[in-house]
Amino acid sequence: MITGKYPSLRLRRSRKNDWSRRLIEENNLTSNDFILPVFLIDGKNKRQAIKSMPDVYRYTLDKIGFIIDKAIKNNLPMVALFPHTQNNKKNFLGTEALNEDNLVCKAIQLIKKKYKDEIGIMCDVALDPYTSHGHDGLFKSGYVLNDETIEILINQSLLQAQIGCDVLAPSDMMDGRIGKIRKALDKNGYKMTQILSYAVKYASGFYGPFRDAVGSKGLLKGNKKNYQMDFKNSNEALREVALDIKEGADMVMVKPGLPYLDIISLIKQNFKIPVMAYQVSGEYSLLANGIKKGIISNETIIESLISFKRAGANAIVSYYADRIHTILK
């Protein structure tokens, strides 16, 4: 409802000065709003550039201490671990996901040993970093099997929880996996391990650089449309979230973020659950390359991130998270 009218009411009065603009601003960003993705590789003493993602790198385990130190210093609440699995460790069933000596498990152990609970650790629950076909689950005749995949995801979840992961993030989009994972966690003594469900993950063209980062881009057979959501749908997103809340999700993720601000807003209005937004690799790379080429300014980073908060997101997974303290200044 609009009250008052021009000329007695002039909204520009409050925009005249910096102090008055700050006084009435509705949304803001702090380090507490960010989750930092960290890409892992085998080897020693390596920081490997990702060509499709400017200023983003893969790190060997002996290098991640530098990243975690910086994240804690800048008050980031959580990091998300993503492995670049060597091709010789990938197979059709993704069995490396259940190896207690895989990159993610070893990284969890290192971080927990040194930092205890100074920072949270989030790990994806899905098979795509480990499969030779690039899909998030068991693949048969061009289709990803649902119930059979869940059985593996349960074991992957239990392994990550046992090693010390704080927040399990099933990103696979299998029906019913949240309830089965929650039940298995509770039964095995991990009642306090949180689940951040990728409840709304669209079959999107914005994931390309990420697949490059984890080494699955050239391996993907077909597409993921038989399990990830159709980007033409919004009501379906509400159904997905409703199901995952009933099954025990503590938080939900919308991925990608920027093209789906309406979805973030719908979920927040309908469920009042913590909602995370993923500023995915394609969004990041478009911004980063545009800034490098002088097409857009650095200010567009803040503009894009504030849009998530304005839509209702509690936190943002962003490749800018490790630089957010500098950007905000």
C-alpha atoms as a PDB file:
ATOM      1  CA  MET A   1       0.000   0.000   0.000  1.00  0.00           C
ATOM      2  CA  ILE A   2       1.322   3.438  -0.975  1.00  0.00           C
ATOM      3  CA  THR A   3       0.676   6.246   1.535  1.00  0.00           C
ATOM      4  CA  GLY A   4       1.182   9.926   0.801  1.00  0.00           C
ATOM      5  CA  LYS A   5       1.708  11.570  -2.567  1.00  0.00           C
ATOM      6  CA  TYR A   6       4.060  13.911  -4.376  1.00  0.00           C
ATOM      7  CA  PRO A   7       5.100  16.663  -3.688  1.00  0.00           C
ATOM      8  CA  SER A   8       4.623  16.262   0.087  1.00  0.00           C
ATOM      9  CA  LEU A   9       6.204  12.833  -0.201  1.00  0.00           C
ATOM     10  CA  ARG A  10       9.603  12.677  -1.931  1.00  0.00           C
ATOM     11  CA  LEU A  11      11.358   9.326  -1.700  1.00  0.00           C
ATOM     12  CA  ARG A  12      14.545  10.897  -3.009  1.00  0.00           C
ATOM     13  CA  ARG A  13      14.936  12.769   0.293  1.00  0.00           C
ATOM     14  CA  SER A  14      16.176   9.556   1.888  1.00  0.00           C
ATOM     15  CA  ARG A  15      18.552   8.874  -1.010  1.00  0.00           C
ATOM     16  CA  LYS A  16      20.306  12.253  -0.899  1.00  0.00           C
ATOM     17  CA  ASN A  17      23.178  11.376   1.454  1.00  0.00           C
ATOM     18  CA  ASP A  18      25.294   8.288   2.094  1.00  0.00           C
ATOM     19  CA  TRP A  19      24.327   8.236   5.780  1.00  0.00           C
ATOM     20  CA  SER A  20      20.603   8.377   5.005  1.00  0.00           C
ATOM     21  CA  ARG A  21      20.876   5.639   2.392  1.00  0.00           C
ATOM     22  CA  ARG A  22      22.676   3.450   4.935  1.00  0.00           C
ATOM     23  CA  LEU A  23      20.056   4.251   7.547  1.00  0.00           C
ATOM     24  CA  ILE A  24      17.150   2.795   5.553  1.00  0.00           C
ATOM     25  CA  GLU A  25      18.842  -0.034   3.613  1.00  0.00           C
ATOM     26  CA  GLU A  26      16.805  -3.212   3.806  1.00  0.00           C
ATOM     27  CA  ASN A  27      19.426  -5.860   3.039  1.00  0.00           C
ATOM     28  CA  ASN A  28      23.143  -6.202   3.676  1.00  0.00           C
ATOM     29  CA  LEU A  29      25.988  -8.689   3.342  1.00  0.00           C
ATOM     30  CA  THR A  30      28.504  -9.909   5.888  1.00  0.00           C
ATOM     31  CA  SER A  31      30.991 -12.766   5.925  1.00  0.00           C
ATOM     32  CA  ASN A  32      28.396 -14.806   7.841  1.00  0.00           C
ATOM     33  CA  ASP A  33      26.336 -15.039   4.652  1.00  0.00           C
ATOM     34  CA  PHE A  34      28.861 -17.120   2.695  1.00  0.00           C
ATOM     35  CA  ILE A  35      29.961 -20.696   2.127  1.00  0.00           C
ATOM     36  CA  LEU A  36      33.310 -21.154   0.373  1.00  0.00           C
ATOM     37  CA  PRO A  37      33.672 -24.001  -2.173  1.00  0.00           C
ATOM     38  CA  VAL A  38      37.118 -25.662  -2.074  1.00  0.00           C
ATOM     39  CA  PHE A  39      38.293 -27.904  -4.923  1.00  0.00           C
ATOM     40  CA  LEU A  40      40.664 -30.745  -4.023  1.00  0.00           C
ATOM     41  CA  ILE A  41      43.256 -32.604  -6.119  1.00  0.00           C
ATOM     42  CA  ASP A  42      45.711 -35.434  -5.534  1.00  0.00           C
ATOM     43  CA  GLY A  43      49.427 -34.755  -5.210  1.00  0.00           C
ATOM     44  CA  LYS A  44      51.567 -32.410  -3.170  1.00  0.00           C
ATOM     45  CA  ASN A  45      52.318 -28.701  -3.075  1.00  0.00           C
ATOM     46  CA  LYS A  46      49.966 -27.811  -5.944  1.00  0.00           C
ATOM     47  CA  ARG A  47      47.659 -24.910  -6.598  1.00  0.00           C
ATOM     48  CA  GLN A  48      46.109 -25.627  -9.970  1.00  0.00           C
ATOM     49  CA  ALA A  49      44.275 -22.925 -11.907  1.00  0.00           C
ATOM     50  CA  ILE A  50      40.841 -23.682 -13.361  1.00  0.00           C
ATOM     51  CA  LYS A  51      40.862 -22.086 -16.804  1.00  0.00           C
ATOM     52  CA  SER A  52      37.110 -21.583 -17.055  1.00  0.00           C
ATOM     53  CA  MET A  53      36.910 -19.978 -13.586  1.00  0.00           C
ATOM     54  CA  PRO A  54      39.233 -16.954 -13.201  1.00  0.00           C
ATOM     55  CA  ASP A  55      40.990 -16.757  -9.804  1.00  0.00           C
ATOM     56  CA  VAL A  56      39.620 -20.123  -8.647  1.00  0.00           C
ATOM     57  CA  TYR A  57      41.986 -23.032  -7.999  1.00  0.00           C
ATOM     58  CA  ARG A  58      42.231 -26.693  -7.089  1.00  0.00           C
ATOM     59  CA  TYR A  59      44.427 -27.467  -4.071  1.00  0.00           C
ATOM     60  CA  THR A  60      46.321 -30.488  -2.821  1.00  0.00           C
ATOM     61  CA  LEU A  61      45.609 -31.472   0.767  1.00  0.00           C
ATOM     62  CA  ASP A  62      48.868 -29.978   2.037  1.00  0.00           C
ATOM     63  CA  LYS A  63      47.746 -26.592   0.682  1.00  0.00           C
ATOM     64  CA  ILE A  64      44.235 -26.384   2.109  1.00  0.00           C
ATOM     65  CA  GLY A  65      45.428 -25.156   5.508  1.00  0.00           C
ATOM     66  CA  PHE A  66      46.119 -21.788   3.900  1.00  0.00           C
ATOM     67  CA  ILE A  67      42.548 -21.648   2.581  1.00  0.00           C
ATOM     68  CA  ILE A  68      40.973 -22.656   5.900  1.00  0.00           C
ATOM     69  CA  ASP A  69      43.160 -20.182   7.858  1.00  0.00           C
ATOM     70  CA  LYS A  70      41.993 -17.408   5.558  1.00  0.00           C
ATOM     71  CA  ALA A  71      38.346 -18.486   5.787  1.00  0.00           C
ATOM     72  CA  ILE A  72      38.421 -18.497   9.600  1.00  0.00           C
ATOM     73  CA  LYS A  73      40.256 -15.161   9.741  1.00  0.00           C
ATOM     74  CA  ASN A  74      37.535 -13.658   7.555  1.00  0.00           C
ATOM     75  CA  ASN A  75      34.764 -15.199   9.678  1.00  0.00           C
ATOM     76  CA  LEU A  76      33.299 -17.509   7.028  1.00  0.00           C
ATOM     77  CA  PRO A  77      31.044 -20.050   8.759  1.00  0.00           C
ATOM     78  CA  MET A  78      31.551 -23.004   6.421  1.00  0.00           C
ATOM     79  CA  VAL A  79      33.533 -24.488   3.535  1.00  0.00           C
ATOM     80  CA  ALA A  80      32.182 -26.946   0.951  1.00  0.00           C
ATOM     81  CA  LEU A  81      34.574 -29.642  -0.276  1.00  0.00           C
ATOM     82  CA  PHE A  82      34.592 -30.850  -3.893  1.00  0.00           C
ATOM     83  CA  PRO A  83      37.019 -33.473  -5.242  1.00  0.00           C
ATOM     84  CA  HIS A  84      38.710 -33.614  -8.640  1.00  0.00           C
ATOM     85  CA  THR A  85      38.943 -37.396  -8.759  1.00  0.00           C
ATOM     86  CA  GLN A  86      41.573 -38.937 -11.009  1.00  0.00           C
ATOM     87  CA  ASN A  87      40.088 -40.799 -13.976  1.00  0.00           C
ATOM     88  CA  ASN A  88      41.793 -44.048 -12.979  1.00  0.00           C
ATOM     89  CA  LYS A  89      39.826 -43.938  -9.716  1.00  0.00           C
ATOM     90  CA  LYS A  90      36.475 -43.499 -11.461  1.00  0.00           C
ATOM     91  CA  ASN A  91      34.280 -46.369 -12.561  1.00  0.00           C
ATOM     92  CA  PHE A  92      30.729 -47.070 -13.654  1.00  0.00           C
ATOM     93  CA  LEU A  93      29.507 -47.540 -10.065  1.00  0.00           C
ATOM     94  CA  GLY A  94      31.406 -44.623  -8.491  1.00  0.00           C
ATOM     95  CA  THR A  95      32.903 -46.835  -5.778  1.00  0.00           C
ATOM     96  CA  GLU A  96      35.556 -44.234  -4.884  1.00  0.00           C
ATOM     97  CA  ALA A  97      32.728 -42.349  -3.120  1.00  0.00           C
ATOM     98  CA  LEU A  98      32.826 -45.063  -0.441  1.00  0.00           C
ATOM     99  CA  ASN A  99      36.614 -45.078  -0.027  1.00  0.00           C
ATOM    100  CA  GLU A 100      37.537 -43.734   3.401  1.00  0.00           C
ATOM    101  CA  ASP A 101      40.842 -42.560   1.907  1.00  0.00           C
ATOM    102  CA  ASN A 102      39.285 -40.506  -0.895  1.00  0.00           C
ATOM    103  CA  LEU A 103      40.098 -36.815  -1.204  1.00  0.00           C
ATOM    104  CA  VAL A 104      37.026 -35.561   0.633  1.00  0.00           C
ATOM    105  CA  CYS A 105      37.447 -37.916   3.598  1.00  0.00           C
ATOM    106  CA  LYS A 106      41.129 -37.076   3.976  1.00  0.00           C
ATOM    107  CA  ALA A 107      40.355 -33.357   3.786  1.00  0.00           C
ATOM    108  CA  ILE A 108      37.670 -33.658   6.489  1.00  0.00           C
ATOM    109  CA  GLN A 109      40.131 -35.436   8.770  1.00  0.00           C
ATOM    110  CA  LEU A 110      42.833 -32.821   8.227  1.00  0.00           C
ATOM    111  CA  ILE A 111      40.500 -29.897   8.863  1.00  0.00           C
ATOM    112  CA  LYS A 112      38.880 -31.427  11.953  1.00  0.00           C
ATOM    113  CA  LYS A 113      42.221 -32.419  13.450  1.00  0.00           C
ATOM    114  CA  LYS A 114      43.667 -28.920  13.163  1.00  0.00           C
ATOM    115  CA  TYR A 115      40.609 -26.670  13.505  1.00  0.00           C
ATOM    116  CA  LYS A 116      38.077 -28.755  15.485  1.00  0.00           C
ATOM    117  CA  ASP A 117      34.787 -26.831  15.263  1.00  0.00           C
ATOM    118  CA  GLU A 118      36.191 -23.424  14.312  1.00  0.00           C
ATOM    119  CA  ILE A 119      34.570 -23.773  10.894  1.00  0.00           C
ATOM    120  CA  GLY A 120      31.847 -26.001   9.465  1.00  0.00           C
ATOM    121  CA  ILE A 121      32.426 -28.559   6.734  1.00  0.00           C
ATOM    122  CA  MET A 122      29.838 -29.313   4.061  1.00  0.00           C
ATOM    123  CA  CYS A 123      30.171 -32.277   1.685  1.00  0.00           C
ATOM    124  CA  ASP A 124      28.078 -33.157  -1.346  1.00  0.00           C
ATOM    125  CA  VAL A 125      26.371 -36.525  -1.290  1.00  0.00           C
ATOM    126  CA  ALA A 126      26.304 -37.653  -4.926  1.00  0.00           C
ATOM    127  CA  LEU A 127      28.264 -39.898  -7.248  1.00  0.00           C
ATOM    128  CA  ASP A 128      29.074 -37.605 -10.188  1.00  0.00           C
ATOM    129  CA  PRO A 129      32.671 -36.800  -9.085  1.00  0.00           C
ATOM    130  CA  TYR A 130      33.356 -40.544  -8.949  1.00  0.00           C
ATOM    131  CA  THR A 131      31.535 -42.087 -11.923  1.00  0.00           C
ATOM    132  CA  SER A 132      33.042 -42.721 -15.348  1.00  0.00           C
ATOM    133  CA  HIS A 133      29.752 -41.641 -16.966  1.00  0.00           C
ATOM    134  CA  GLY A 134      29.491 -38.315 -15.064  1.00  0.00           C
ATOM    135  CA  HIS A 135      26.037 -38.916 -13.598  1.00  0.00           C
ATOM    136  CA  ASP A 136      24.965 -38.489  -9.978  1.00  0.00           C
ATOM    137  CA  GLY A 137      23.821 -42.078  -9.572  1.00  0.00           C
ATOM    138  CA  LEU A 138      23.798 -45.574 -11.031  1.00  0.00           C
ATOM    139  CA  PHE A 139      23.293 -45.371 -14.785  1.00  0.00           C
ATOM    140  CA  LYS A 140      21.468 -47.958 -16.860  1.00  0.00           C
ATOM    141  CA  SER A 141      20.160 -47.729 -20.437  1.00  0.00           C
ATOM    142  CA  GLY A 142      20.314 -43.928 -20.436  1.00  0.00           C
ATOM    143  CA  TYR A 143      18.472 -43.606 -17.112  1.00  0.00           C
ATOM    144  CA  VAL A 144      19.736 -42.926 -13.594  1.00  0.00           C
ATOM    145  CA  LEU A 145      18.277 -45.504 -11.220  1.00  0.00           C
ATOM    146  CA  ASN A 146      16.611 -43.992  -8.146  1.00  0.00           C
ATOM    147  CA  ASP A 147      16.232 -46.539  -5.358  1.00  0.00           C
ATOM    148  CA  GLU A 148      19.454 -48.387  -6.161  1.00  0.00           C
ATOM    149  CA  THR A 149      21.369 -45.098  -6.105  1.00  0.00           C
ATOM    150  CA  ILE A 150      19.927 -44.185  -2.692  1.00  0.00           C
ATOM    151  CA  GLU A 151      21.446 -47.284  -1.111  1.00  0.00           C
ATOM    152  CA  ILE A 152      24.903 -46.075  -2.138  1.00  0.00           C
ATOM    153  CA  LEU A 153      24.153 -42.500  -1.034  1.00  0.00           C
ATOM    154  CA  ILE A 154      23.202 -43.777   2.430  1.00  0.00           C
ATOM    155  CA  ASN A 155      26.623 -45.410   2.773  1.00  0.00           C
ATOM    156  CA  GLN A 156      28.363 -42.309   1.418  1.00  0.00           C
ATOM    157  CA  SER A 157      26.508 -40.173   3.966  1.00  0.00           C
ATOM    158  CA  LEU A 158      27.388 -42.469   6.857  1.00  0.00           C
ATOM    159  CA  LEU A 159      31.049 -42.486   5.840  1.00  0.00           C
ATOM    160  CA  GLN A 160      31.244 -38.687   5.638  1.00  0.00           C
ATOM    161  CA  ALA A 161      29.442 -38.308   8.974  1.00  0.00           C
ATOM    162  CA  GLN A 162      31.743 -40.839  10.614  1.00  0.00           C
ATOM    163  CA  ILE A 163      34.836 -39.016   9.335  1.00  0.00           C
ATOM    164  CA  GLY A 164      33.509 -35.725  10.755  1.00  0.00           C
ATOM    165  CA  CYS A 165      31.469 -33.860   8.137  1.00  0.00           C
ATOM    166  CA  ASP A 166      29.107 -31.368   9.778  1.00  0.00           C
ATOM    167  CA  VAL A 167      26.611 -30.784   6.967  1.00  0.00           C
ATOM    168  CA  LEU A 168      25.712 -33.449   4.431  1.00  0.00           C
ATOM    169  CA  ALA A 169      24.427 -31.982   1.179  1.00  0.00           C
ATOM    170  CA  PRO A 170      22.655 -34.525  -1.049  1.00  0.00           C
ATOM    171  CA  SER A 171      22.889 -32.945  -4.509  1.00  0.00           C
ATOM    172  CA  ASP A 172      21.718 -35.942  -6.529  1.00  0.00           C
ATOM    173  CA  MET A 173      17.973 -35.204  -6.824  1.00  0.00           C
ATOM    174  CA  MET A 174      16.878 -38.810  -6.204  1.00  0.00           C
ATOM    175  CA  ASP A 175      13.332 -39.114  -4.854  1.00  0.00           C
ATOM    176  CA  GLY A 176      13.160 -40.081  -1.180  1.00  0.00           C
ATOM    177  CA  ARG A 177      16.863 -39.924  -0.378  1.00  0.00           C
ATOM    178  CA  ILE A 178      16.579 -37.320   2.414  1.00  0.00           C
ATOM    179  CA  GLY A 179      14.298 -39.502   4.521  1.00  0.00           C
ATOM    180  CA  LYS A 180      16.415 -42.622   4.088  1.00  0.00           C
ATOM    181  CA  ILE A 181      19.655 -40.751   4.826  1.00  0.00           C
ATOM    182  CA  ARG A 182      18.139 -39.086   7.916  1.00  0.00           C
ATOM    183  CA  LYS A 183      16.892 -42.424   9.216  1.00  0.00           C
ATOM    184  CA  ALA A 184      20.303 -44.058   8.700  1.00  0.00           C
ATOM    185  CA  LEU A 185      22.126 -41.172  10.381  1.00  0.00           C
ATOM    186  CA  ASP A 186      19.841 -41.249  13.421  1.00  0.00           C
ATOM    187  CA  LYS A 187      20.062 -45.026  13.710  1.00  0.00           C
ATOM    188  CA  ASN A 188      23.879 -44.884  13.678  1.00  0.00           C
ATOM    189  CA  GLY A 189      24.313 -42.143  16.267  1.00  0.00           C
ATOM    190  CA  TYR A 190      24.608 -39.087  14.008  1.00  0.00           C
ATOM    191  CA  LYS A 191      21.444 -37.321  15.139  1.00  0.00           C
ATOM    192  CA  MET A 192      23.190 -33.938  15.183  1.00  0.00           C
ATOM    193  CA  THR A 193      24.653 -34.177  11.673  1.00  0.00           C
ATOM    194  CA  GLN A 194      22.772 -31.651   9.562  1.00  0.00           C
ATOM    195  CA  ILE A 195      21.289 -32.212   6.120  1.00  0.00           C
ATOM    196  CA  LEU A 196      21.319 -29.397   3.587  1.00  0.00           C
ATOM    197  CA  SER A 197      19.212 -30.776   0.767  1.00  0.00           C
ATOM    198  CA  TYR A 198      19.724 -29.656  -2.791  1.00  0.00           C
ATOM    199  CA  ALA A 199      15.939 -29.795  -2.904  1.00  0.00           C
ATOM    200  CA  VAL A 200      15.697 -27.600  -5.987  1.00  0.00           C
ATOM    201  CA  LYS A 201      18.455 -28.344  -8.466  1.00  0.00           C
ATOM    202  CA  TYR A 202      17.640 -27.508 -12.039  1.00  0.00           C
ATOM    203  CA  ALA A 203      18.997 -29.175 -15.173  1.00  0.00           C
ATOM    204  CA  SER A 204      20.904 -26.030 -16.053  1.00  0.00           C
ATOM    205  CA  GLY A 205      23.379 -24.830 -18.654  1.00  0.00           C
ATOM    206  CA  PHE A 206      25.195 -22.817 -15.952  1.00  0.00           C
ATOM    207  CA  TYR A 207      27.146 -25.786 -14.532  1.00  0.00           C
ATOM    208  CA  GLY A 208      29.798 -26.127 -17.247  1.00  0.00           C
ATOM    209  CA  PRO A 209      32.811 -24.597 -15.448  1.00  0.00           C
ATOM    210  CA  PHE A 210      32.082 -26.634 -12.289  1.00  0.00           C
ATOM    211  CA  ARG A 211      32.130 -29.860 -14.265  1.00  0.00           C
ATOM    212  CA  ASP A 212      35.453 -28.718 -15.638  1.00  0.00           C
ATOM    213  CA  ALA A 213      36.668 -28.048 -12.088  1.00  0.00           C
ATOM    214  CA  VAL A 214      35.803 -31.543 -10.810  1.00  0.00           C
ATOM    215  CA  GLY A 215      36.811 -33.307 -14.021  1.00  0.00           C
ATOM    216  CA  SER A 216      33.423 -34.664 -15.101  1.00  0.00           C
ATOM    217  CA  LYS A 217      32.708 -32.375 -18.066  1.00  0.00           C
ATOM    218  CA  GLY A 218      34.054 -34.580 -20.841  1.00  0.00           C
ATOM    219  CA  LEU A 219      32.681 -37.758 -19.288  1.00  0.00           C
ATOM    220  CA  LEU A 220      28.974 -36.950 -19.076  1.00  0.00           C
ATOM    221  CA  LYS A 221      26.852 -39.346 -21.125  1.00  0.00           C
ATOM    222  CA  GLY A 222      23.711 -37.573 -22.306  1.00  0.00           C
ATOM    223  CA  ASN A 223      22.149 -35.072 -19.891  1.00  0.00           C
ATOM    224  CA  LYS A 224      20.657 -34.975 -16.390  1.00  0.00           C
ATOM    225  CA  LYS A 225      17.094 -34.054 -17.277  1.00  0.00           C
ATOM    226  CA  ASN A 226      15.575 -37.314 -16.040  1.00  0.00           C
ATOM    227  CA  TYR A 227      16.426 -36.403 -12.443  1.00  0.00           C
ATOM    228  CA  GLN A 228      17.260 -32.692 -12.207  1.00  0.00           C
ATOM    229  CA  MET A 229      14.375 -30.225 -12.440  1.00  0.00           C
ATOM    230  CA  ASP A 230      12.928 -28.638 -15.569  1.00  0.00           C
ATOM    231  CA  PHE A 231      13.810 -24.922 -15.498  1.00  0.00           C
ATOM    232  CA  LYS A 232      10.363 -24.077 -16.850  1.00  0.00           C
ATOM    233  CA  ASN A 233       8.746 -25.177 -13.568  1.00  0.00           C
ATOM    234  CA  SER A 234       8.235 -23.379 -10.259  1.00  0.00           C
ATOM    235  CA  ASN A 235       5.350 -25.143  -8.481  1.00  0.00           C
ATOM    236  CA  GLU A 236       7.329 -28.356  -8.729  1.00  0.00           C
ATOM    237  CA  ALA A 237      10.059 -26.705  -6.652  1.00  0.00           C
ATOM    238  CA  LEU A 238       7.577 -26.188  -3.799  1.00  0.00           C
ATOM    239  CA  ARG A 239       6.618 -29.853  -3.943  1.00  0.00           C
ATOM    240  CA  GLU A 240      10.277 -30.900  -3.805  1.00  0.00           C
ATOM    241  CA  VAL A 241      10.946 -28.693  -0.773  1.00  0.00           C
ATOM    242  CA  ALA A 242       7.782 -29.833   1.030  1.00  0.00           C
ATOM    243  CA  LEU A 243       8.801 -33.471   0.620  1.00  0.00           C
ATOM    244  CA  ASP A 244      12.366 -32.871   1.823  1.00  0.00           C
ATOM    245  CA  ILE A 245      11.220 -30.942   4.898  1.00  0.00           C
ATOM    246  CA  LYS A 246       8.911 -33.820   5.845  1.00  0.00           C
ATOM    247  CA  GLU A 247      11.804 -36.242   5.348  1.00  0.00           C
ATOM    248  CA  GLY A 248      14.105 -34.343   7.717  1.00  0.00           C
ATOM    249  CA  ALA A 249      16.031 -31.658   5.804  1.00  0.00           C
ATOM    250  CA  ASP A 250      17.413 -28.908   8.069  1.00  0.00           C
ATOM    251  CA  MET A 251      18.072 -26.510   5.190  1.00  0.00           C
ATOM    252  CA  VAL A 252      17.417 -26.448   1.456  1.00  0.00           C
ATOM    253  CA  MET A 253      19.469 -25.299  -1.521  1.00  0.00           C
ATOM    254  CA  VAL A 254      18.347 -23.631  -4.737  1.00  0.00           C
ATOM    255  CA  LYS A 255      20.777 -24.231  -7.584  1.00  0.00           C
ATOM    256  CA  PRO A 256      21.550 -22.286  -9.739  1.00  0.00           C
ATOM    257  CA  GLY A 257      20.914 -19.051  -7.903  1.00  0.00           C
ATOM    258  CA  LEU A 258      20.707 -15.916 -10.000  1.00  0.00           C
ATOM    259  CA  PRO A 259      18.231 -17.125 -12.682  1.00  0.00           C
ATOM    260  CA  TYR A 260      16.027 -18.555  -9.911  1.00  0.00           C
ATOM    261  CA  LEU A 261      15.500 -15.672  -7.491  1.00  0.00           C
ATOM    262  CA  ASP A 262      11.746 -16.145  -7.856  1.00  0.00           C
ATOM    263  CA  ILE A 263      12.121 -19.730  -6.629  1.00  0.00           C
ATOM    264  CA  ILE A 264      14.147 -18.645  -3.579  1.00  0.00           C
ATOM    265  CA  SER A 265      11.438 -16.118  -2.744  1.00  0.00           C
ATOM    266  CA  LEU A 266       8.613 -18.635  -3.202  1.00  0.00           C
ATOM    267  CA  ILE A 267      10.280 -21.169  -0.915  1.00  0.00           C
ATOM    268  CA  LYS A 268      11.006 -18.619   1.794  1.00  0.00           C
ATOM    269  CA  GLN A 269       7.461 -17.280   1.726  1.00  0.00           C
ATOM    270  CA  ASN A 270       5.907 -20.736   1.881  1.00  0.00           C
ATOM    271  CA  PHE A 271       8.146 -22.633   4.301  1.00  0.00           C
ATOM    272  CA  LYS A 272      10.221 -20.240   6.467  1.00  0.00           C
ATOM    273  CA  ILE A 273      13.064 -22.782   6.344  1.00  0.00           C
ATOM    274  CA  PRO A 274      16.720 -21.706   5.959  1.00  0.00           C
ATOM    275  CA  VAL A 275      17.303 -21.354   2.228  1.00  0.00           C
ATOM    276  CA  MET A 276      20.742 -21.394   0.632  1.00  0.00           C
ATOM    277  CA  ALA A 277      21.494 -20.092  -2.852  1.00  0.00           C
ATOM    278  CA  TYR A 278      24.312 -21.386  -5.013  1.00  0.00           C
ATOM    279  CA  GLN A 279      25.946 -18.746  -7.187  1.00  0.00           C
ATOM    280  CA  VAL A 280      27.099 -21.434  -9.568  1.00  0.00           C
ATOM    281  CA  SER A 281      30.223 -21.614 -11.701  1.00  0.00           C
ATOM    282  CA  GLY A 282      28.569 -20.299 -14.842  1.00  0.00           C
ATOM    283  CA  GLU A 283      27.222 -17.252 -13.033  1.00  0.00           C
ATOM    284  CA  TYR A 284      30.591 -16.631 -11.414  1.00  0.00           C
ATOM    285  CA  SER A 285      32.534 -17.018 -14.659  1.00  0.00           C
ATOM    286  CA  LEU A 286      30.237 -14.653 -16.550  1.00  0.00           C
ATOM    287  CA  LEU A 287      30.742 -11.990 -13.885  1.00  0.00           C
ATOM    288  CA  ALA A 288      34.486 -12.577 -13.493  1.00  0.00           C
ATOM    289  CA  ASN A 289      35.199 -12.527 -17.215  1.00  0.00           C
ATOM    290  CA  GLY A 290      32.969  -9.502 -17.753  1.00  0.00           C
ATOM    291  CA  ILE A 291      34.891  -7.607 -15.060  1.00  0.00           C
ATOM    292  CA  LYS A 292      38.282  -8.669 -16.433  1.00  0.00           C
ATOM    293  CA  LYS A 293      37.312  -7.441 -19.903  1.00  0.00           C
ATOM    294  CA  GLY A 294      35.953  -4.144 -18.582  1.00  0.00           C
ATOM    295  CA  ILE A 295      32.432  -4.868 -19.793  1.00  0.00           C
ATOM    296  CA  ILE A 296      30.984  -4.515 -16.281  1.00  0.00           C
ATOM    297  CA  SER A 297      32.333  -3.102 -13.020  1.00  0.00           C
ATOM    298  CA  ASN A 298      33.308  -4.763  -9.742  1.00  0.00           C
ATOM    299  CA  GLU A 299      30.133  -3.334  -8.233  1.00  0.00           C
ATOM    300  CA  THR A 300      28.113  -5.969 -10.109  1.00  0.00           C
ATOM    301  CA  ILE A 301      29.482  -8.608  -7.698  1.00  0.00           C
ATOM    302  CA  ILE A 302      27.752  -6.949  -4.742  1.00  0.00           C
ATOM    303  CA  GLU A 303      24.656  -6.267  -6.822  1.00  0.00           C
ATOM    304  CA  SER A 304      24.313  -9.936  -7.743  1.00  0.00           C
ATOM    305  CA  LEU A 305      24.969 -11.162  -4.190  1.00  0.00           C
ATOM    306  CA  ILE A 306      22.507  -8.721  -2.616  1.00  0.00           C
ATOM    307  CA  SER A 307      19.842 -10.025  -4.999  1.00  0.00           C
ATOM    308  CA  PHE A 308      20.032 -13.408  -3.225  1.00  0.00           C
ATOM    309  CA  LYS A 309      19.504 -11.777   0.160  1.00  0.00           C
ATOM    310  CA  ARG A 310      16.684  -9.638  -1.185  1.00  0.00           C
ATOM    311  CA  ALA A 311      14.961 -12.773  -2.502  1.00  0.00           C
ATOM    312  CA  GLY A 312      15.200 -14.381   0.950  1.00  0.00           C
ATOM    313  CA  ALA A 313      18.362 -16.502   0.955  1.00  0.00           C
ATOM    314  CA  ASN A 314      20.001 -17.014   4.347  1.00  0.00           C
ATOM    315  CA  ALA A 315      23.411 -17.760   2.869  1.00  0.00           C
ATOM    316  CA  ILE A 316      25.180 -18.035  -0.470  1.00  0.00           C
ATOM    317  CA  VAL A 317      27.623 -20.575  -1.825  1.00  0.00           C
ATOM    318  CA  SER A 318      29.948 -18.378  -3.866  1.00  0.00           C
ATOM    319  CA  TYR A 319      33.405 -18.545  -5.412  1.00  0.00           C
ATOM    320  CA  TYR A 320      33.788 -14.946  -4.278  1.00  0.00           C
ATOM    321  CA  ALA A 321      33.508 -16.000  -0.626  1.00  0.00           C
ATOM    322  CA  ASP A 322      37.289 -16.081  -0.043  1.00  0.00           C
ATOM    323  CA  ARG A 323      37.517 -12.466  -1.247  1.00  0.00           C
ATOM    324  CA  ILE A 324      34.256 -11.157   0.148  1.00  0.00           C
ATOM    325  CA  HIS A 325      35.899  -9.158   2.962  1.00  0.00           C
ATOM    326  CA  THR A 326      37.870  -7.181   0.349  1.00  0.00           C
ATOM    327  CA  ILE A 327      34.908  -6.849  -2.015  1.00  0.00           C
ATOM    328  CA  LEU A 328      32.646  -5.531   0.736  1.00  0.00           C
ATOM    329  CA  LYS A 329      35.152  -2.805   1.556  1.00  0.00           C
END
